[in-house]
Protein backbone atom coordinates (compact mmCIF):
# COMPACT_ATOMS: atom_id res chain seq x y z
CA MET A 1 10.18 -4.35 -1.11
CA ASN A 2 10.20 -7.53 -2.37
CA THR A 3 9.79 -8.79 -6.00
CA VAL A 4 7.98 -11.98 -6.75
CA LYS A 5 10.03 -14.62 -9.19
CA VAL A 6 8.42 -17.21 -11.71
CA ARG A 7 9.92 -19.35 -13.37
CA ASP A 8 12.33 -16.69 -15.93
CA LEU A 9 9.98 -13.84 -14.78
CA VAL A 10 10.24 -11.27 -11.98
CA ILE A 11 6.97 -9.46 -10.70
CA GLY A 12 7.90 -6.03 -8.80
CA GLU A 13 10.32 -4.62 -10.76
CA GLY A 14 10.74 -2.84 -14.34
CA MET A 15 7.36 -2.38 -16.25
CA PRO A 16 4.40 -3.15 -15.27
CA LYS A 17 4.02 -7.23 -16.39
CA ILE A 18 1.47 -8.44 -19.12
CA CYS A 19 -0.67 -10.92 -18.36
CA VAL A 20 -3.00 -11.90 -21.42
CA PRO A 21 -6.15 -14.37 -20.23
CA ILE A 22 -6.87 -17.44 -22.06
CA VAL A 23 -11.31 -17.63 -21.84
CA GLY A 24 -11.95 -20.40 -24.32
CA LYS A 25 -14.98 -22.60 -23.86
CA SER A 26 -13.62 -25.79 -25.53
CA ARG A 27 -10.12 -27.83 -25.21
CA ASP A 28 -9.58 -26.69 -28.61
CA ALA A 29 -10.59 -23.19 -28.24
CA ILE A 30 -8.32 -23.21 -25.46
CA LEU A 31 -5.49 -24.66 -26.72
CA GLY A 32 -5.82 -22.44 -30.54
CA GLU A 33 -6.31 -19.22 -27.72
CA ALA A 34 -2.75 -20.24 -26.19
CA ALA A 35 -1.34 -20.72 -29.34
CA ALA A 36 -2.10 -17.40 -30.16
CA VAL A 37 -0.72 -15.84 -27.16
CA THR A 38 2.63 -17.05 -27.45
CA GLN A 39 3.36 -14.85 -30.47
CA LEU A 40 2.54 -11.96 -28.18
CA PRO A 41 4.44 -9.89 -26.03
CA THR A 42 3.26 -11.06 -23.06
CA ASP A 43 4.96 -12.58 -19.78
CA LEU A 44 2.40 -14.73 -18.53
CA VAL A 45 -0.42 -15.88 -19.40
CA GLU A 46 -3.82 -16.83 -17.54
CA TRP A 47 -5.93 -19.69 -18.28
CA ARG A 48 -10.25 -18.61 -16.60
CA VAL A 49 -10.89 -22.15 -16.19
CA ASP A 50 -14.33 -21.38 -14.93
CA CYS A 51 -14.83 -20.82 -18.85
CA PHE A 52 -14.16 -24.20 -19.46
CA ASP A 53 -17.10 -26.57 -20.71
CA ALA A 54 -15.89 -29.49 -17.99
CA ALA A 55 -15.89 -29.22 -14.51
CA ASP A 56 -14.11 -32.62 -14.04
CA TRP A 57 -10.48 -32.74 -12.41
CA GLY A 58 -9.25 -35.04 -14.89
CA SER A 59 -10.87 -32.53 -17.90
CA VAL A 60 -9.02 -29.52 -16.43
CA GLU A 61 -5.48 -31.66 -15.60
CA SER A 62 -5.59 -33.05 -19.08
CA VAL A 63 -5.73 -29.32 -20.88
CA LEU A 64 -3.27 -28.15 -18.11
CA SER A 65 -0.90 -30.66 -19.30
CA GLU A 66 -1.77 -30.04 -22.96
CA LEU A 67 -1.18 -26.46 -21.74
CA ARG A 68 1.79 -26.50 -19.68
CA THR A 69 3.37 -27.77 -23.42
CA VAL A 70 1.97 -25.27 -25.66
CA LEU A 71 3.62 -22.25 -23.38
CA GLY A 72 6.51 -23.61 -22.97
CA ASN A 73 8.69 -21.28 -20.41
CA LEU A 74 5.80 -18.95 -19.98
CA PRO A 75 4.14 -18.79 -16.51
CA LEU A 76 0.92 -20.12 -16.12
CA LEU A 77 -1.55 -18.76 -13.94
CA LEU A 78 -4.71 -20.43 -12.67
CA THR A 79 -7.69 -18.96 -12.27
CA LEU A 80 -11.10 -20.20 -10.86
CA ARG A 81 -13.21 -17.07 -11.34
CA THR A 82 -16.55 -17.29 -9.48
CA SER A 83 -19.78 -15.92 -10.31
CA ASP A 84 -19.82 -14.28 -7.17
CA GLU A 85 -16.63 -11.76 -8.77
CA GLY A 86 -18.23 -11.67 -11.94
CA GLY A 87 -16.73 -15.51 -13.09
CA GLU A 88 -18.68 -18.15 -15.52
CA ARG A 89 -19.04 -20.74 -12.81
CA ALA A 90 -21.30 -20.84 -9.65
CA ILE A 91 -19.03 -23.51 -6.92
CA GLU A 92 -19.58 -24.04 -3.17
CA PRO A 93 -16.63 -23.69 -1.13
CA ALA A 94 -15.11 -27.24 -1.00
CA ALA A 95 -15.24 -27.34 -4.52
CA TYR A 96 -13.29 -24.80 -5.06
CA ALA A 97 -10.84 -25.68 -2.77
CA GLU A 98 -10.52 -29.10 -4.06
CA LEU A 99 -9.64 -27.52 -7.90
CA ASN A 100 -7.21 -25.17 -7.07
CA ILE A 101 -5.36 -27.26 -4.49
CA LYS A 102 -5.23 -30.23 -6.61
CA ALA A 103 -3.92 -27.48 -9.77
CA ALA A 104 -1.33 -26.53 -7.31
CA GLN A 105 -0.03 -30.00 -6.77
CA SER A 106 -0.31 -30.96 -10.42
CA GLY A 107 2.90 -29.25 -10.81
CA LEU A 108 1.33 -28.07 -14.43
CA VAL A 109 0.56 -24.49 -12.96
CA ASP A 110 3.43 -21.49 -11.41
CA MET A 111 0.14 -19.10 -9.95
CA ILE A 112 -3.01 -19.65 -8.58
CA ASP A 113 -5.44 -16.87 -8.15
CA VAL A 114 -7.63 -17.28 -4.69
CA GLU A 115 -10.80 -15.09 -4.00
CA ALA A 116 -9.59 -13.54 -0.85
CA TYR A 117 -13.15 -13.47 0.30
CA ARG A 118 -14.41 -17.13 -0.51
CA GLY A 119 -14.26 -17.26 3.95
CA ASP A 120 -11.88 -19.93 5.79
CA ILE A 121 -10.82 -21.94 3.04
CA VAL A 122 -8.93 -19.48 1.51
CA PRO A 123 -6.18 -19.59 4.29
CA SER A 124 -5.91 -23.53 3.71
CA ILE A 125 -5.50 -22.68 -0.07
CA ILE A 126 -2.87 -21.02 0.10
CA GLU A 127 -1.05 -23.03 2.91
CA ALA A 128 -1.20 -25.92 0.11
CA ALA A 129 -0.11 -23.89 -3.10
CA HIS A 130 2.56 -22.68 -0.90
CA ALA A 131 3.77 -26.41 -0.18
CA ALA A 132 3.72 -27.25 -3.35
CA GLY A 133 5.97 -24.28 -4.46
CA VAL A 134 3.24 -22.31 -6.05
CA LYS A 135 3.19 -18.56 -6.00
CA VAL A 136 -0.80 -17.03 -5.16
CA ILE A 137 -2.58 -13.45 -6.05
CA ALA A 138 -5.01 -13.01 -3.22
CA SER A 139 -7.94 -11.20 -5.55
CA TYR A 140 -11.44 -9.01 -4.57
CA HIS A 141 -13.60 -7.69 -7.66
CA ASP A 142 -16.21 -5.06 -7.03
CA PHE A 143 -18.45 -4.90 -10.28
CA SER A 144 -21.04 -2.45 -8.71
CA GLY A 145 -18.66 0.30 -8.01
CA THR A 146 -15.54 1.40 -6.12
CA PRO A 147 -15.26 1.17 -2.29
CA SER A 148 -13.49 4.61 -1.23
CA LYS A 149 -9.35 5.10 -1.12
CA ALA A 150 -9.40 3.39 2.02
CA GLU A 151 -11.50 0.26 1.90
CA ILE A 152 -9.97 -0.18 -1.13
CA VAL A 153 -6.32 0.59 1.15
CA GLU A 154 -7.71 -2.13 4.04
CA ARG A 155 -8.58 -4.90 1.23
CA LEU A 156 -4.94 -5.07 -0.14
CA CYS A 157 -3.55 -5.17 3.65
CA TYR A 158 -6.12 -7.93 4.25
CA MET A 159 -4.53 -9.77 1.54
CA GLN A 160 -1.14 -9.23 2.39
CA LEU A 161 -1.83 -10.24 6.22
CA LEU A 162 -3.11 -13.85 4.27
CA GLY A 163 -0.20 -14.29 3.18
CA ALA A 164 -1.16 -14.11 -0.47
CA ASP A 165 2.92 -13.34 -2.94
CA ILE A 166 0.79 -10.60 -4.82
CA PRO A 167 -2.63 -8.76 -3.17
CA LYS A 168 -4.71 -7.74 -6.42
CA ILE A 169 -8.32 -6.20 -6.34
CA ALA A 170 -10.43 -4.69 -9.35
CA VAL A 171 -13.34 -1.95 -9.01
CA MET A 172 -15.56 -0.76 -11.74
CA PRO A 173 -15.67 2.81 -11.95
CA GLN A 174 -18.93 5.17 -12.32
CA THR A 175 -17.20 8.33 -12.69
CA LYS A 176 -13.72 9.79 -13.22
CA GLU A 177 -13.12 10.78 -9.54
CA ASP A 178 -13.69 6.89 -9.12
CA VAL A 179 -10.75 6.21 -11.80
CA MET A 180 -8.79 8.76 -9.47
CA THR A 181 -9.83 6.81 -5.90
CA LEU A 182 -8.40 3.38 -7.25
CA LEU A 183 -5.21 5.02 -8.33
CA ALA A 184 -4.86 7.62 -4.88
CA ALA A 185 -5.47 4.33 -2.77
CA THR A 186 -3.01 2.11 -4.81
CA GLU A 187 0.17 4.76 -4.74
CA GLU A 188 -0.94 4.69 -0.83
CA MET A 189 -0.71 0.79 -1.22
CA TYR A 190 2.88 0.36 -2.76
CA PHE A 191 4.40 3.40 -0.89
CA GLN A 192 3.56 2.93 2.20
CA HIS A 193 1.61 -0.70 3.67
CA ALA A 194 2.84 -3.04 0.54
CA ASP A 195 6.18 -4.86 1.46
CA ARG A 196 5.55 -7.79 -1.38
CA PRO A 197 3.81 -6.41 -5.37
CA ILE A 198 0.27 -5.31 -5.61
CA ILE A 199 -2.23 -5.88 -8.47
CA THR A 200 -5.03 -3.16 -9.25
CA MET A 201 -7.20 -1.68 -12.12
CA SER A 202 -10.45 0.07 -12.94
CA MET A 203 -12.69 -1.54 -15.15
CA SER A 204 -14.33 -0.53 -18.44
CA GLN A 205 -13.14 1.89 -20.18
CA LEU A 206 -13.19 4.56 -18.39
CA GLY A 207 -10.85 3.04 -16.26
CA VAL A 208 -8.29 2.37 -18.75
CA ILE A 209 -5.40 4.66 -17.65
CA SER A 210 -5.18 2.13 -14.02
CA ARG A 211 -4.67 0.14 -16.99
CA VAL A 212 -1.22 1.62 -17.89
CA ALA A 213 -0.07 3.85 -14.95
CA GLY A 214 1.51 0.51 -12.94
CA GLU A 215 4.79 1.98 -13.74
CA LEU A 216 3.94 5.04 -11.93
CA THR A 217 1.00 3.97 -9.28
CA GLY A 218 2.71 0.55 -8.44
CA SER A 219 0.66 -1.68 -9.49
CA ALA A 220 2.89 -4.75 -10.53
CA VAL A 221 0.71 -6.55 -13.31
CA THR A 222 -1.33 -5.86 -15.94
CA PHE A 223 -4.02 -7.51 -18.29
CA GLY A 224 -3.87 -7.39 -21.80
CA SER A 225 -6.88 -9.06 -24.08
CA ALA A 226 -5.86 -11.51 -27.39
CA SER A 227 -9.15 -12.52 -29.30
CA LYS A 228 -12.06 -11.92 -26.09
CA ALA A 229 -11.19 -10.24 -23.30
CA SER A 230 -11.95 -11.80 -19.83
CA ALA A 231 -12.80 -8.07 -17.98
CA PRO A 232 -13.91 -4.73 -19.69
CA GLY A 233 -11.65 -2.48 -20.57
CA GLN A 234 -8.55 -4.49 -20.97
CA MET A 235 -6.21 -3.28 -24.26
CA PRO A 236 -5.14 -5.67 -26.68
CA THR A 237 -1.96 -6.66 -26.11
CA ILE A 238 0.17 -5.37 -28.12
CA GLU A 239 -1.28 -2.04 -28.44
CA LEU A 240 -0.46 -2.38 -24.51
CA ARG A 241 2.78 -3.22 -24.81
CA GLU A 242 3.31 -0.21 -26.66
CA THR A 243 1.95 1.48 -24.31
CA LEU A 244 3.87 0.75 -21.03
CA GLU A 245 7.19 0.56 -23.32
CA ALA A 246 6.28 4.33 -24.23
CA ILE A 247 5.78 5.74 -21.04
CA HIS A 248 8.60 3.53 -19.52
CA LYS A 249 10.93 5.36 -22.09
CA ALA A 250 9.37 8.64 -21.52
CA SER A 251 9.71 8.01 -18.00
CA ASN A 252 12.99 6.80 -17.80
């Protein structure tokens, strides 16, 4: 199994790494959240740029520059989550690709999240990011339900074939059986198909166990909240770290 190194962080070994999203709408709110996140036990930071109240690249680049200063050596993941997959912004494919490529080429981000099923633009975004030395998380989000185990594995394998550094899938459980389906699919993917780290989660309170079980199932990153969660079921970061450490200690 290959690992992914971002700055001083190695994803895919040891405990699952904690990523904390920044979801502020204004520049001041974003930078305030960033300062607060640096005081939390987090491994990397995600800026959900779709939450930002400005859409032009100039404004995004300006905030990125300030974020980079505030975050220091913490790895920064930029995510433009579209309304199609539960995000805050509807955006045309060409504009989606342009923003992600400009971010990757800016030298201000370490990783970008690319929605794997955005069509023909996806390979070009991944290629541009890699050319700029930026890692790519390819993602798929299902807020309506939980696909079968076979479909979850198939989607993760597809993201791997796309050339993403880390495939990611998040699904919505309706029953406890759905949560077990996600966990079983993660275990199968990790042990039978993956040659790189993967990220999986079952959302909402029902799926919380999936956010702390990564050391068992093979999910390499989990998301914790600071002031506001970016997805249903995220635990507060401090509690999440304590839980992961307790599981790690008991397992070793």
